[in-house]
All heavy atoms as atom14 arrays in JSON, in Angstrom:
{
  "sequence": "PVSELDRALVEVYCNAFAQYKLCEREVNHDGVVVTSATG",
  "atom14_mask": [
    [1, 1, 1, 1, 1, 1, 1, 0, 0, 0, 0, 0, 0, 0],
    [1, 1, 1, 1, 1, 1, 1, 0, 0, 0, 0, 0, 0, 0],
    [1, 1, 1, 1, 1, 1, 0, 0, 0, 0, 0, 0, 0, 0],
    [1, 1, 1, 1, 1, 1, 1, 1, 1, 0, 0, 0, 0, 0],
    [1, 1, 1, 1, 1, 1, 1, 1, 0, 0, 0, 0, 0, 0],
    [1, 1, 1, 1, 1, 1, 1, 1, 0, 0, 0, 0, 0, 0],
    [1, 1, 1, 1, 1, 1, 1, 1, 1, 1, 1, 0, 0, 0],
    [1, 1, 1, 1, 1, 0, 0, 0, 0, 0, 0, 0, 0, 0],
    [1, 1, 1, 1, 1, 1, 1, 1, 0, 0, 0, 0, 0, 0],
    [1, 1, 1, 1, 1, 1, 1, 0, 0, 0, 0, 0, 0, 0],
    [1, 1, 1, 1, 1, 1, 1, 1, 1, 0, 0, 0, 0, 0],
    [1, 1, 1, 1, 1, 1, 1, 0, 0, 0, 0, 0, 0, 0],
    [1, 1, 1, 1, 1, 1, 1, 1, 1, 1, 1, 1, 0, 0],
    [1, 1, 1, 1, 1, 1, 0, 0, 0, 0, 0, 0, 0, 0],
    [1, 1, 1, 1, 1, 1, 1, 1, 0, 0, 0, 0, 0, 0],
    [1, 1, 1, 1, 1, 0, 0, 0, 0, 0, 0, 0, 0, 0],
    [1, 1, 1, 1, 1, 1, 1, 1, 1, 1, 1, 0, 0, 0],
    [1, 1, 1, 1, 1, 0, 0, 0, 0, 0, 0, 0, 0, 0],
    [1, 1, 1, 1, 1, 1, 1, 1, 1, 0, 0, 0, 0, 0],
    [1, 1, 1, 1, 1, 1, 1, 1, 1, 1, 1, 1, 0, 0],
    [1, 1, 1, 1, 1, 1, 1, 1, 1, 0, 0, 0, 0, 0],
    [1, 1, 1, 1, 1, 1, 1, 1, 0, 0, 0, 0, 0, 0],
    [1, 1, 1, 1, 1, 1, 0, 0, 0, 0, 0, 0, 0, 0],
    [1, 1, 1, 1, 1, 1, 1, 1, 1, 0, 0, 0, 0, 0],
    [1, 1, 1, 1, 1, 1, 1, 1, 1, 1, 1, 0, 0, 0],
    [1, 1, 1, 1, 1, 1, 1, 1, 1, 0, 0, 0, 0, 0],
    [1, 1, 1, 1, 1, 1, 1, 0, 0, 0, 0, 0, 0, 0],
    [1, 1, 1, 1, 1, 1, 1, 1, 0, 0, 0, 0, 0, 0],
    [1, 1, 1, 1, 1, 1, 1, 1, 1, 1, 0, 0, 0, 0],
    [1, 1, 1, 1, 1, 1, 1, 1, 0, 0, 0, 0, 0, 0],
    [1, 1, 1, 1, 0, 0, 0, 0, 0, 0, 0, 0, 0, 0],
    [1, 1, 1, 1, 1, 1, 1, 0, 0, 0, 0, 0, 0, 0],
    [1, 1, 1, 1, 1, 1, 1, 0, 0, 0, 0, 0, 0, 0],
    [1, 1, 1, 1, 1, 1, 1, 0, 0, 0, 0, 0, 0, 0],
    [1, 1, 1, 1, 1, 1, 1, 0, 0, 0, 0, 0, 0, 0],
    [1, 1, 1, 1, 1, 1, 0, 0, 0, 0, 0, 0, 0, 0],
    [1, 1, 1, 1, 1, 0, 0, 0, 0, 0, 0, 0, 0, 0],
    [1, 1, 1, 1, 1, 1, 1, 0, 0, 0, 0, 0, 0, 0],
    [1, 1, 1, 1, 0, 0, 0, 0, 0, 0, 0, 0, 0, 0]
  ],
  "atom14_positions": [
    [[9.92, -44.51, -15.46], [9.83, -45.6, -14.48], [10.82, -46.73, -14.75], [10.53, -47.9, -14.54], [8.38, -46.08, -14.65], [8.06, -45.79, -16.07], [8.82, -44.53, -16.39], [0.0, 0.0, 0.0], [0.0, 0.0, 0.0], [0.0, 0.0, 0.0], [0.0, 0.0, 0.0], [0.0, 0.0, 0.0], [0.0, 0.0, 0.0], [0.0, 0.0, 0.0]],
    [[12.01, -46.42, -15.22], [13.03, -47.43, -15.51], [13.53, -48.03, -14.2], [13.55, -47.36, -13.16], [14.18, -46.81, -16.33], [15.04, -45.89, -15.51], [15.04, -47.88, -16.97], [0.0, 0.0, 0.0], [0.0, 0.0, 0.0], [0.0, 0.0, 0.0], [0.0, 0.0, 0.0], [0.0, 0.0, 0.0], [0.0, 0.0, 0.0], [0.0, 0.0, 0.0]],
    [[13.88, -49.3, -14.24], [14.38, -49.98, -13.04], [15.55, -50.88, -13.4], [15.96, -50.96, -14.56], [13.27, -50.81, -12.4], [13.03, -51.98, -13.14], [0.0, 0.0, 0.0], [0.0, 0.0, 0.0], [0.0, 0.0, 0.0], [0.0, 0.0, 0.0], [0.0, 0.0, 0.0], [0.0, 0.0, 0.0], [0.0, 0.0, 0.0], [0.0, 0.0, 0.0]],
    [[16.06, -51.58, -12.41], [17.17, -52.53, -12.62], [16.78, -53.59, -13.65], [17.63, -54.12, -14.36], [17.53, -53.18, -11.28], [18.64, -54.2, -11.37], [20.0, -53.63, -11.78], [20.26, -52.44, -11.52], [20.79, -54.39, -12.37], [0.0, 0.0, 0.0], [0.0, 0.0, 0.0], [0.0, 0.0, 0.0], [0.0, 0.0, 0.0], [0.0, 0.0, 0.0]],
    [[15.49, -53.87, -13.77], [15.01, -54.85, -14.75], [15.3, -54.42, -16.19], [15.33, -55.24, -17.1], [13.5, -55.07, -14.59], [13.07, -55.68, -13.26], [11.55, -55.63, -13.14], [13.58, -57.1, -13.12], [0.0, 0.0, 0.0], [0.0, 0.0, 0.0], [0.0, 0.0, 0.0], [0.0, 0.0, 0.0], [0.0, 0.0, 0.0], [0.0, 0.0, 0.0]],
    [[15.51, -53.13, -16.39], [15.74, -52.58, -17.72], [17.22, -52.46, -18.08], [17.56, -51.92, -19.12], [15.08, -51.2, -17.83], [13.6, -51.27, -17.57], [12.92, -52.08, -18.21], [13.12, -50.5, -16.71], [0.0, 0.0, 0.0], [0.0, 0.0, 0.0], [0.0, 0.0, 0.0], [0.0, 0.0, 0.0], [0.0, 0.0, 0.0], [0.0, 0.0, 0.0]],
    [[18.08, -52.99, -17.23], [19.52, -52.83, -17.43], [19.99, -53.32, -18.8], [20.73, -52.62, -19.51], [20.29, -53.56, -16.33], [21.79, -53.42, -16.49], [22.54, -54.28, -15.47], [23.95, -54.2, -15.76], [24.84, -53.66, -14.95], [24.46, -53.18, -13.79], [26.1, -53.63, -15.29], [0.0, 0.0, 0.0], [0.0, 0.0, 0.0], [0.0, 0.0, 0.0]],
    [[19.56, -54.49, -19.21], [20.0, -55.04, -20.5], [19.53, -54.16, -21.65], [20.28, -53.93, -22.61], [19.48, -56.47, -20.68], [0.0, 0.0, 0.0], [0.0, 0.0, 0.0], [0.0, 0.0, 0.0], [0.0, 0.0, 0.0], [0.0, 0.0, 0.0], [0.0, 0.0, 0.0], [0.0, 0.0, 0.0], [0.0, 0.0, 0.0], [0.0, 0.0, 0.0]],
    [[18.31, -53.64, -21.55], [17.79, -52.77, -22.6], [18.6, -51.46, -22.68], [18.9, -50.98, -23.76], [16.31, -52.47, -22.35], [15.56, -51.77, -23.46], [15.58, -52.58, -24.76], [14.12, -51.52, -23.03], [0.0, 0.0, 0.0], [0.0, 0.0, 0.0], [0.0, 0.0, 0.0], [0.0, 0.0, 0.0], [0.0, 0.0, 0.0], [0.0, 0.0, 0.0]],
    [[18.97, -50.93, -21.53], [19.79, -49.72, -21.5], [21.16, -50.02, -22.12], [21.7, -49.22, -22.88], [19.94, -49.16, -20.07], [20.89, -47.97, -20.04], [18.57, -48.76, -19.51], [0.0, 0.0, 0.0], [0.0, 0.0, 0.0], [0.0, 0.0, 0.0], [0.0, 0.0, 0.0], [0.0, 0.0, 0.0], [0.0, 0.0, 0.0], [0.0, 0.0, 0.0]],
    [[21.72, -51.19, -21.82], [23.01, -51.58, -22.4], [22.9, -51.7, -23.92], [23.8, -51.25, -24.64], [23.49, -52.9, -21.81], [24.02, -52.78, -20.41], [24.54, -54.1, -19.88], [25.13, -54.89, -20.66], [24.4, -54.33, -18.67], [0.0, 0.0, 0.0], [0.0, 0.0, 0.0], [0.0, 0.0, 0.0], [0.0, 0.0, 0.0], [0.0, 0.0, 0.0]],
    [[21.82, -52.3, -24.4], [21.62, -52.43, -25.85], [21.56, -51.04, -26.48], [22.21, -50.78, -27.5], [20.33, -53.23, -26.17], [19.96, -53.12, -27.64], [20.52, -54.69, -25.78], [0.0, 0.0, 0.0], [0.0, 0.0, 0.0], [0.0, 0.0, 0.0], [0.0, 0.0, 0.0], [0.0, 0.0, 0.0], [0.0, 0.0, 0.0], [0.0, 0.0, 0.0]],
    [[20.81, -50.14, -25.86], [20.72, -48.77, -26.37], [22.11, -48.12, -26.42], [22.49, -47.54, -27.44], [19.77, -47.93, -25.51], [19.86, -46.46, -25.84], [19.14, -45.93, -26.9], [20.69, -45.61, -25.13], [19.24, -44.6, -27.23], [20.82, -44.28, -25.45], [20.09, -43.77, -26.5], [20.23, -42.45, -26.84], [0.0, 0.0, 0.0], [0.0, 0.0, 0.0]],
    [[22.85, -48.21, -25.33], [24.16, -47.57, -25.25], [25.15, -48.16, -26.25], [25.92, -47.43, -26.89], [24.71, -47.66, -23.83], [23.77, -46.67, -22.65], [0.0, 0.0, 0.0], [0.0, 0.0, 0.0], [0.0, 0.0, 0.0], [0.0, 0.0, 0.0], [0.0, 0.0, 0.0], [0.0, 0.0, 0.0], [0.0, 0.0, 0.0], [0.0, 0.0, 0.0]],
    [[25.13, -49.48, -26.41], [26.02, -50.12, -27.39], [25.64, -49.74, -28.82], [26.52, -49.51, -29.66], [26.02, -51.63, -27.22], [26.84, -52.06, -26.02], [27.88, -51.49, -25.72], [26.36, -53.06, -25.31], [0.0, 0.0, 0.0], [0.0, 0.0, 0.0], [0.0, 0.0, 0.0], [0.0, 0.0, 0.0], [0.0, 0.0, 0.0], [0.0, 0.0, 0.0]],
    [[24.34, -49.65, -29.09], [23.9, -49.23, -30.43], [24.31, -47.78, -30.67], [24.72, -47.42, -31.79], [22.39, -49.39, -30.57], [0.0, 0.0, 0.0], [0.0, 0.0, 0.0], [0.0, 0.0, 0.0], [0.0, 0.0, 0.0], [0.0, 0.0, 0.0], [0.0, 0.0, 0.0], [0.0, 0.0, 0.0], [0.0, 0.0, 0.0], [0.0, 0.0, 0.0]],
    [[24.23, -46.95, -29.65], [24.65, -45.56, -29.77], [26.14, -45.47, -30.1], [26.55, -44.72, -31.0], [24.35, -44.79, -28.48], [24.77, -43.36, -28.53], [23.98, -42.41, -29.15], [25.97, -42.96, -27.97], [24.39, -41.08, -29.22], [26.39, -41.64, -28.03], [25.59, -40.7, -28.65], [0.0, 0.0, 0.0], [0.0, 0.0, 0.0], [0.0, 0.0, 0.0]],
    [[26.95, -46.27, -29.41], [28.4, -46.29, -29.67], [28.68, -46.78, -31.09], [29.55, -46.23, -31.78], [29.11, -47.17, -28.65], [0.0, 0.0, 0.0], [0.0, 0.0, 0.0], [0.0, 0.0, 0.0], [0.0, 0.0, 0.0], [0.0, 0.0, 0.0], [0.0, 0.0, 0.0], [0.0, 0.0, 0.0], [0.0, 0.0, 0.0], [0.0, 0.0, 0.0]],
    [[27.95, -47.79, -31.55], [28.12, -48.31, -32.9], [27.74, -47.24, -33.92], [28.42, -47.05, -34.93], [27.27, -49.57, -33.11], [27.47, -50.23, -34.46], [28.85, -50.8, -34.66], [29.58, -51.05, -33.71], [29.23, -51.0, -35.9], [0.0, 0.0, 0.0], [0.0, 0.0, 0.0], [0.0, 0.0, 0.0], [0.0, 0.0, 0.0], [0.0, 0.0, 0.0]],
    [[26.66, -46.54, -33.67], [26.23, -45.46, -34.55], [27.32, -44.38, -34.66], [27.64, -43.92, -35.76], [24.93, -44.83, -34.01], [24.63, -43.47, -34.58], [24.16, -43.34, -35.88], [24.84, -42.33, -33.82], [23.91, -42.07, -36.4], [24.59, -41.08, -34.33], [24.12, -40.95, -35.62], [23.87, -39.72, -36.15], [0.0, 0.0, 0.0], [0.0, 0.0, 0.0]],
    [[27.9, -43.99, -33.53], [28.95, -42.96, -33.55], [30.18, -43.44, -34.32], [30.78, -42.67, -35.07], [29.33, -42.56, -32.12], [28.22, -41.9, -31.34], [27.66, -40.67, -32.03], [28.49, -39.45, -31.76], [27.95, -38.23, -32.37], [0.0, 0.0, 0.0], [0.0, 0.0, 0.0], [0.0, 0.0, 0.0], [0.0, 0.0, 0.0], [0.0, 0.0, 0.0]],
    [[30.56, -44.72, -34.15], [31.69, -45.27, -34.9], [31.41, -45.21, -36.4], [32.26, -44.75, -37.17], [31.94, -46.72, -34.48], [32.89, -47.51, -35.38], [34.32, -47.01, -35.22], [32.8, -48.98, -35.09], [0.0, 0.0, 0.0], [0.0, 0.0, 0.0], [0.0, 0.0, 0.0], [0.0, 0.0, 0.0], [0.0, 0.0, 0.0], [0.0, 0.0, 0.0]],
    [[30.24, -45.66, -36.79], [29.88, -45.66, -38.22], [29.84, -44.24, -38.78], [30.31, -43.99, -39.89], [28.54, -46.34, -38.43], [28.56, -48.1, -38.06], [0.0, 0.0, 0.0], [0.0, 0.0, 0.0], [0.0, 0.0, 0.0], [0.0, 0.0, 0.0], [0.0, 0.0, 0.0], [0.0, 0.0, 0.0], [0.0, 0.0, 0.0], [0.0, 0.0, 0.0]],
    [[29.3, -43.33, -38.0], [29.23, -41.94, -38.42], [30.63, -41.38, -38.68], [30.88, -40.71, -39.69], [28.51, -41.12, -37.34], [28.34, -39.67, -37.69], [27.66, -38.92, -36.56], [28.1, -39.05, -35.39], [26.7, -38.2, -36.85], [0.0, 0.0, 0.0], [0.0, 0.0, 0.0], [0.0, 0.0, 0.0], [0.0, 0.0, 0.0], [0.0, 0.0, 0.0]],
    [[31.56, -41.66, -37.77], [32.95, -41.2, -37.95], [33.57, -41.79, -39.21], [34.23, -41.1, -39.98], [33.8, -41.58, -36.74], [33.74, -40.62, -35.6], [34.83, -40.88, -34.56], [34.89, -42.25, -34.1], [34.16, -42.74, -33.11], [33.29, -41.99, -32.49], [34.29, -44.0, -32.74], [0.0, 0.0, 0.0], [0.0, 0.0, 0.0], [0.0, 0.0, 0.0]],
    [[33.36, -43.09, -39.42], [33.93, -43.76, -40.59], [33.38, -43.2, -41.89], [34.13, -42.97, -42.85], [33.7, -45.27, -40.51], [34.46, -45.96, -39.41], [35.97, -45.87, -39.57], [36.48, -45.89, -40.7], [36.65, -45.78, -38.52], [0.0, 0.0, 0.0], [0.0, 0.0, 0.0], [0.0, 0.0, 0.0], [0.0, 0.0, 0.0], [0.0, 0.0, 0.0]],
    [[32.07, -42.98, -41.93], [31.46, -42.42, -43.15], [31.93, -40.99, -43.36], [32.25, -40.59, -44.49], [29.92, -42.51, -43.09], [29.28, -41.74, -44.24], [29.47, -43.97, -43.1], [0.0, 0.0, 0.0], [0.0, 0.0, 0.0], [0.0, 0.0, 0.0], [0.0, 0.0, 0.0], [0.0, 0.0, 0.0], [0.0, 0.0, 0.0], [0.0, 0.0, 0.0]],
    [[32.02, -40.22, -42.29], [32.52, -38.84, -42.42], [33.97, -38.82, -42.89], [34.37, -37.94, -43.66], [32.38, -38.09, -41.11], [30.95, -37.72, -40.81], [30.1, -37.66, -41.69], [30.67, -37.48, -39.54], [0.0, 0.0, 0.0], [0.0, 0.0, 0.0], [0.0, 0.0, 0.0], [0.0, 0.0, 0.0], [0.0, 0.0, 0.0], [0.0, 0.0, 0.0]],
    [[34.76, -39.79, -42.44], [36.17, -39.84, -42.81], [36.38, -40.34, -44.24], [37.13, -39.76, -45.02], [36.94, -40.73, -41.83], [38.4, -40.84, -42.14], [38.92, -41.85, -42.88], [39.45, -40.03, -41.79], [40.23, -41.69, -43.0], [40.57, -40.59, -42.33], [0.0, 0.0, 0.0], [0.0, 0.0, 0.0], [0.0, 0.0, 0.0], [0.0, 0.0, 0.0]],
    [[35.71, -41.46, -44.58], [35.95, -42.11, -45.87], [34.98, -41.71, -46.96], [35.23, -41.97, -48.13], [35.89, -43.64, -45.71], [36.97, -44.16, -44.78], [38.02, -43.5, -44.64], [36.76, -45.24, -44.18], [0.0, 0.0, 0.0], [0.0, 0.0, 0.0], [0.0, 0.0, 0.0], [0.0, 0.0, 0.0], [0.0, 0.0, 0.0], [0.0, 0.0, 0.0]],
    [[33.86, -41.13, -46.58], [32.86, -40.73, -47.56], [31.8, -41.8, -47.77], [31.91, -42.93, -47.29], [0.0, 0.0, 0.0], [0.0, 0.0, 0.0], [0.0, 0.0, 0.0], [0.0, 0.0, 0.0], [0.0, 0.0, 0.0], [0.0, 0.0, 0.0], [0.0, 0.0, 0.0], [0.0, 0.0, 0.0], [0.0, 0.0, 0.0], [0.0, 0.0, 0.0]],
    [[30.79, -41.44, -48.52], [29.67, -42.33, -48.78], [30.07, -43.43, -49.76], [29.6, -44.55, -49.69], [28.47, -41.52, -49.32], [27.32, -42.42, -49.72], [28.01, -40.49, -48.29], [0.0, 0.0, 0.0], [0.0, 0.0, 0.0], [0.0, 0.0, 0.0], [0.0, 0.0, 0.0], [0.0, 0.0, 0.0], [0.0, 0.0, 0.0], [0.0, 0.0, 0.0]],
    [[30.97, -43.1, -50.66], [31.46, -44.06, -51.65], [32.93, -44.34, -51.36], [33.71, -43.43, -51.11], [31.3, -43.5, -53.08], [31.87, -44.45, -54.11], [29.84, -43.2, -53.38], [0.0, 0.0, 0.0], [0.0, 0.0, 0.0], [0.0, 0.0, 0.0], [0.0, 0.0, 0.0], [0.0, 0.0, 0.0], [0.0, 0.0, 0.0], [0.0, 0.0, 0.0]],
    [[33.28, -45.64, -51.35], [34.66, -46.06, -51.1], [35.11, -46.98, -52.23], [34.3, -47.48, -53.01], [34.8, -46.77, -49.73], [34.49, -45.81, -48.59], [33.93, -48.0, -49.65], [0.0, 0.0, 0.0], [0.0, 0.0, 0.0], [0.0, 0.0, 0.0], [0.0, 0.0, 0.0], [0.0, 0.0, 0.0], [0.0, 0.0, 0.0], [0.0, 0.0, 0.0]],
    [[36.39, -47.23, -52.28], [36.94, -48.15, -53.28], [37.06, -49.53, -52.67], [37.65, -49.7, -51.59], [38.32, -47.65, -53.75], [38.19, -46.32, -54.22], [38.87, -48.53, -54.86], [0.0, 0.0, 0.0], [0.0, 0.0, 0.0], [0.0, 0.0, 0.0], [0.0, 0.0, 0.0], [0.0, 0.0, 0.0], [0.0, 0.0, 0.0], [0.0, 0.0, 0.0]],
    [[36.49, -50.52, -53.35], [36.52, -51.89, -52.84], [37.9, -52.51, -53.08], [38.76, -51.9, -53.73], [35.45, -52.74, -53.53], [35.82, -52.99, -54.87], [0.0, 0.0, 0.0], [0.0, 0.0, 0.0], [0.0, 0.0, 0.0], [0.0, 0.0, 0.0], [0.0, 0.0, 0.0], [0.0, 0.0, 0.0], [0.0, 0.0, 0.0], [0.0, 0.0, 0.0]],
    [[38.09, -53.73, -52.6], [39.35, -54.44, -52.78], [39.65, -54.69, -54.25], [40.81, -54.81, -54.65], [39.31, -55.77, -52.02], [0.0, 0.0, 0.0], [0.0, 0.0, 0.0], [0.0, 0.0, 0.0], [0.0, 0.0, 0.0], [0.0, 0.0, 0.0], [0.0, 0.0, 0.0], [0.0, 0.0, 0.0], [0.0, 0.0, 0.0], [0.0, 0.0, 0.0]],
    [[38.59, -54.76, -55.07], [38.79, -54.99, -56.51], [38.98, -53.69, -57.28], [39.15, -53.73, -58.5], [37.58, -55.76, -57.1], [36.4, -54.96, -56.92], [37.43, -57.12, -56.44], [0.0, 0.0, 0.0], [0.0, 0.0, 0.0], [0.0, 0.0, 0.0], [0.0, 0.0, 0.0], [0.0, 0.0, 0.0], [0.0, 0.0, 0.0], [0.0, 0.0, 0.0]],
    [[38.92, -52.55, -56.58], [39.15, -51.27, -57.23], [37.89, -50.58, -57.73], [37.98, -49.51, -58.33], [0.0, 0.0, 0.0], [0.0, 0.0, 0.0], [0.0, 0.0, 0.0], [0.0, 0.0, 0.0], [0.0, 0.0, 0.0], [0.0, 0.0, 0.0], [0.0, 0.0, 0.0], [0.0, 0.0, 0.0], [0.0, 0.0, 0.0], [0.0, 0.0, 0.0]]
  ]
}
């Protein structure tokens, strides 16, 4: 029963999904452990 009133919530969901995918790519690329600026 979603309506136009739920638009902001749908946007929040979609933006969080995009953020999740970005983070997933970065972790897959760089690994779970990375080297900090101090080495």
